[in-house]
Amino acid sequence: MKNLNHKEKQKLYSKKKTLLGNTQCKHMNNGQMTANEAAQVTLLCNYSTSFPSAYLFWYKQLPNRSPTFILSEFTVGKGTTEDEFKERFSATLDSTSRTVPLMIEDVRVSDSAVYYCALQPTVTETHSTLIQKH
């Protein structure tokens, strides 16, 4: 997974390579944000999609680790938040402004990480080869 610690678009493609949507994370100071402990921090994420409904996900990635799911927000229905993040992490999807900011309350040193905002739907492509037996 590419490190998105600076302002950059993440494009999502279907099997036909048609653009389905994208997310754009906006950060301060060349992709890095600093805050004092116990402060509240907001990480911004703008999205666009051609689908009528959107499913947004936030992930936290520590160095040399796989991304960890934090929470999801949907334009239709209710998202979920992982138990370990419920107390201090929240997000509200605004389908009018097409944003889903991540709020972190009582920020701690252990919150230092790379954060990803991801948009679904995404389509993954699997390849297989059929061999005909004679």
C-alpha atoms as a PDB file:
ATOM      1  CA  MET A   1       0.000   0.000   0.000  1.00  0.00           C
ATOM      2  CA  LYS A   2       1.392   3.391  -0.963  1.00  0.00           C
ATOM      3  CA  ASN A   3       2.130   5.826   1.851  1.00  0.00           C
ATOM      4  CA  LEU A   4      -0.398   8.680   1.549  1.00  0.00           C
ATOM      5  CA  ASN A   5       1.152  11.034   4.100  1.00  0.00           C
ATOM      6  CA  HIS A   6       0.824  14.031   1.787  1.00  0.00           C
ATOM      7  CA  LYS A   7      -1.992  15.568  -0.263  1.00  0.00           C
ATOM      8  CA  GLU A   8      -2.723  13.045  -2.931  1.00  0.00           C
ATOM      9  CA  LYS A   9      -5.631  11.343  -4.686  1.00  0.00           C
ATOM     10  CA  GLN A  10      -6.310   7.661  -4.405  1.00  0.00           C
ATOM     11  CA  LYS A  11      -8.175   6.450  -7.491  1.00  0.00           C
ATOM     12  CA  LEU A  12     -10.368   3.376  -7.473  1.00  0.00           C
ATOM     13  CA  TYR A  13     -10.924   1.392 -10.654  1.00  0.00           C
ATOM     14  CA  SER A  14     -13.180  -1.386 -11.850  1.00  0.00           C
ATOM     15  CA  LYS A  15     -12.114  -4.286 -14.072  1.00  0.00           C
ATOM     16  CA  LYS A  16     -12.630  -2.066 -17.106  1.00  0.00           C
ATOM     17  CA  LYS A  17     -10.424   0.611 -15.544  1.00  0.00           C
ATOM     18  CA  THR A  18     -13.328   3.057 -15.403  1.00  0.00           C
ATOM     19  CA  LEU A  19     -12.962   5.649 -12.700  1.00  0.00           C
ATOM     20  CA  LEU A  20     -15.496   4.850  -9.976  1.00  0.00           C
ATOM     21  CA  GLY A  21     -14.535   7.467  -7.460  1.00  0.00           C
ATOM     22  CA  ASN A  22     -11.685   8.890  -5.483  1.00  0.00           C
ATOM     23  CA  THR A  23     -10.798  10.215  -2.085  1.00  0.00           C
ATOM     24  CA  GLN A  24      -8.549  13.119  -1.317  1.00  0.00           C
ATOM     25  CA  CYS A  25      -7.068  13.606   2.098  1.00  0.00           C
ATOM     26  CA  LYS A  26      -6.087  17.115   3.057  1.00  0.00           C
ATOM     27  CA  HIS A  27      -3.401  17.622   5.660  1.00  0.00           C
ATOM     28  CA  MET A  28      -1.302  20.488   6.931  1.00  0.00           C
ATOM     29  CA  ASN A  29       2.448  21.167   6.699  1.00  0.00           C
ATOM     30  CA  ASN A  30       3.465  18.902   3.809  1.00  0.00           C
ATOM     31  CA  GLY A  31       1.340  15.996   4.943  1.00  0.00           C
ATOM     32  CA  GLN A  32       2.191  16.117   8.608  1.00  0.00           C
ATOM     33  CA  MET A  33       0.005  17.351  11.406  1.00  0.00           C
ATOM     34  CA  THR A  34       1.188  18.069  14.903  1.00  0.00           C
ATOM     35  CA  ALA A  35      -0.949  18.483  18.009  1.00  0.00           C
ATOM     36  CA  ASN A  36      -0.523  18.730  21.751  1.00  0.00           C
ATOM     37  CA  GLU A  37      -1.538  15.781  23.865  1.00  0.00           C
ATOM     38  CA  ALA A  38      -5.179  15.906  25.038  1.00  0.00           C
ATOM     39  CA  ALA A  39      -6.148  18.144  22.080  1.00  0.00           C
ATOM     40  CA  GLN A  40      -8.846  17.324  19.533  1.00  0.00           C
ATOM     41  CA  VAL A  41      -7.624  16.678  15.986  1.00  0.00           C
ATOM     42  CA  THR A  42      -9.644  16.524  12.767  1.00  0.00           C
ATOM     43  CA  LEU A  43      -8.317  14.775   9.665  1.00  0.00           C
ATOM     44  CA  LEU A  44     -10.198  15.823   6.539  1.00  0.00           C
ATOM     45  CA  CYS A  45     -11.244  13.566   3.688  1.00  0.00           C
ATOM     46  CA  ASN A  46     -13.136  14.643   0.570  1.00  0.00           C
ATOM     47  CA  TYR A  47     -14.588  12.069  -1.782  1.00  0.00           C
ATOM     48  CA  SER A  48     -16.331  11.853  -5.119  1.00  0.00           C
ATOM     49  CA  THR A  49     -18.215   8.996  -6.698  1.00  0.00           C
ATOM     50  CA  SER A  50     -20.612   8.387  -9.566  1.00  0.00           C
ATOM     51  CA  PHE A  51     -22.619   5.945  -7.436  1.00  0.00           C
ATOM     52  CA  PRO A  52     -25.713   7.087  -5.515  1.00  0.00           C
ATOM     53  CA  SER A  53     -24.410   5.663  -2.246  1.00  0.00           C
ATOM     54  CA  ALA A  54     -20.941   5.861  -0.731  1.00  0.00           C
ATOM     55  CA  TYR A  55     -19.130   3.735   1.823  1.00  0.00           C
ATOM     56  CA  LEU A  56     -16.156   5.412   3.484  1.00  0.00           C
ATOM     57  CA  PHE A  57     -13.590   3.727   5.727  1.00  0.00           C
ATOM     58  CA  TRP A  58     -10.827   5.101   7.953  1.00  0.00           C
ATOM     59  CA  TYR A  59      -7.659   3.102   8.691  1.00  0.00           C
ATOM     60  CA  LYS A  60      -4.637   3.691  10.922  1.00  0.00           C
ATOM     61  CA  GLN A  61      -1.219   2.354   9.943  1.00  0.00           C
ATOM     62  CA  LEU A  62       1.704   2.165  12.344  1.00  0.00           C
ATOM     63  CA  PRO A  63       5.255   1.826  10.948  1.00  0.00           C
ATOM     64  CA  ASN A  64       5.982  -1.627   9.503  1.00  0.00           C
ATOM     65  CA  ARG A  65       2.425  -2.816  10.232  1.00  0.00           C
ATOM     66  CA  SER A  66      -0.664  -3.493   8.152  1.00  0.00           C
ATOM     67  CA  PRO A  67      -3.441  -0.882   8.235  1.00  0.00           C
ATOM     68  CA  THR A  68      -5.946  -1.314  11.087  1.00  0.00           C
ATOM     69  CA  PHE A  69      -9.639  -0.644  10.510  1.00  0.00           C
ATOM     70  CA  ILE A  70     -10.943   2.258  12.633  1.00  0.00           C
ATOM     71  CA  LEU A  71     -14.474   2.925  11.416  1.00  0.00           C
ATOM     72  CA  SER A  72     -16.867   3.101   8.499  1.00  0.00           C
ATOM     73  CA  GLU A  73     -19.539   5.611   7.515  1.00  0.00           C
ATOM     74  CA  PHE A  74     -22.217   5.121   4.865  1.00  0.00           C
ATOM     75  CA  THR A  75     -24.578   7.456   3.024  1.00  0.00           C
ATOM     76  CA  VAL A  76     -27.243   4.771   3.454  1.00  0.00           C
ATOM     77  CA  GLY A  77     -27.385   2.801   6.702  1.00  0.00           C
ATOM     78  CA  LYS A  78     -25.128   2.915   9.722  1.00  0.00           C
ATOM     79  CA  GLY A  79     -21.394   2.358   9.812  1.00  0.00           C
ATOM     80  CA  THR A  80     -19.375   0.702  12.556  1.00  0.00           C
ATOM     81  CA  THR A  81     -16.469   1.632  14.807  1.00  0.00           C
ATOM     82  CA  GLU A  82     -13.926  -0.880  16.068  1.00  0.00           C
ATOM     83  CA  ASP A  83     -14.156  -1.301  19.865  1.00  0.00           C
ATOM     84  CA  GLU A  84     -10.645  -0.009  20.602  1.00  0.00           C
ATOM     85  CA  PHE A  85     -11.462   3.301  18.833  1.00  0.00           C
ATOM     86  CA  LYS A  86     -15.052   3.918  20.010  1.00  0.00           C
ATOM     87  CA  GLU A  87     -14.141   6.121  22.949  1.00  0.00           C
ATOM     88  CA  ARG A  88     -12.046   8.762  21.149  1.00  0.00           C
ATOM     89  CA  PHE A  89     -12.480   8.364  17.349  1.00  0.00           C
ATOM     90  CA  SER A  90     -15.559   9.415  15.363  1.00  0.00           C
ATOM     91  CA  ALA A  91     -16.612  10.496  11.893  1.00  0.00           C
ATOM     92  CA  THR A  92     -19.725  11.833  10.242  1.00  0.00           C
ATOM     93  CA  LEU A  93     -20.250  11.465   6.517  1.00  0.00           C
ATOM     94  CA  ASP A  94     -21.701  14.577   4.887  1.00  0.00           C
ATOM     95  CA  SER A  95     -23.059  13.530   1.478  1.00  0.00           C
ATOM     96  CA  THR A  96     -23.810  17.145   0.485  1.00  0.00           C
ATOM     97  CA  SER A  97     -20.244  18.408   0.892  1.00  0.00           C
ATOM     98  CA  ARG A  98     -18.872  14.899   0.206  1.00  0.00           C
ATOM     99  CA  THR A  99     -16.628  14.869   3.244  1.00  0.00           C
ATOM    100  CA  VAL A 100     -15.995  12.425   6.060  1.00  0.00           C
ATOM    101  CA  PRO A 101     -13.671  14.042   8.622  1.00  0.00           C
ATOM    102  CA  LEU A 102     -12.088  11.830  11.273  1.00  0.00           C
ATOM    103  CA  MET A 103     -12.169  13.387  14.748  1.00  0.00           C
ATOM    104  CA  ILE A 104      -9.727  12.181  17.383  1.00  0.00           C
ATOM    105  CA  GLU A 105     -10.390  13.392  20.921  1.00  0.00           C
ATOM    106  CA  ASP A 106      -7.832  13.482  23.726  1.00  0.00           C
ATOM    107  CA  VAL A 107      -5.024  12.824  21.234  1.00  0.00           C
ATOM    108  CA  ARG A 108      -2.112  10.722  22.513  1.00  0.00           C
ATOM    109  CA  VAL A 109       1.420  10.020  21.356  1.00  0.00           C
ATOM    110  CA  SER A 110       0.241   6.494  20.482  1.00  0.00           C
ATOM    111  CA  ASP A 111      -2.095   8.052  17.871  1.00  0.00           C
ATOM    112  CA  SER A 112       0.943   8.983  15.765  1.00  0.00           C
ATOM    113  CA  ALA A 113       0.476   7.068  12.507  1.00  0.00           C
ATOM    114  CA  VAL A 114      -0.480   7.325   8.856  1.00  0.00           C
ATOM    115  CA  TYR A 115      -4.273   7.548   8.429  1.00  0.00           C
ATOM    116  CA  TYR A 116      -6.097   6.402   5.307  1.00  0.00           C
ATOM    117  CA  CYS A 117      -9.539   7.343   4.088  1.00  0.00           C
ATOM    118  CA  ALA A 118     -10.886   4.797   1.599  1.00  0.00           C
ATOM    119  CA  LEU A 119     -13.948   4.861  -0.635  1.00  0.00           C
ATOM    120  CA  GLN A 120     -15.950   1.800  -1.658  1.00  0.00           C
ATOM    121  CA  PRO A 121     -17.042   0.411  -4.107  1.00  0.00           C
ATOM    122  CA  THR A 122     -13.825  -1.007  -5.344  1.00  0.00           C
ATOM    123  CA  VAL A 123     -13.552  -4.022  -7.581  1.00  0.00           C
ATOM    124  CA  THR A 124     -10.614  -6.351  -7.368  1.00  0.00           C
ATOM    125  CA  GLU A 125      -9.700  -8.454 -10.321  1.00  0.00           C
ATOM    126  CA  THR A 126      -8.644 -12.069 -10.033  1.00  0.00           C
ATOM    127  CA  HIS A 127      -7.023 -13.937 -12.872  1.00  0.00           C
ATOM    128  CA  SER A 128      -7.279 -17.629 -13.569  1.00  0.00           C
ATOM    129  CA  THR A 129      -6.342 -19.785 -16.507  1.00  0.00           C
ATOM    130  CA  LEU A 130      -8.611 -22.546 -17.751  1.00  0.00           C
ATOM    131  CA  ILE A 131      -6.886 -25.543 -19.262  1.00  0.00           C
ATOM    132  CA  GLN A 132      -8.955 -27.876 -21.409  1.00  0.00           C
ATOM    133  CA  LYS A 133      -8.156 -31.547 -20.953  1.00  0.00           C
ATOM    134  CA  HIS A 134      -8.297 -33.770 -24.048  1.00  0.00           C
END
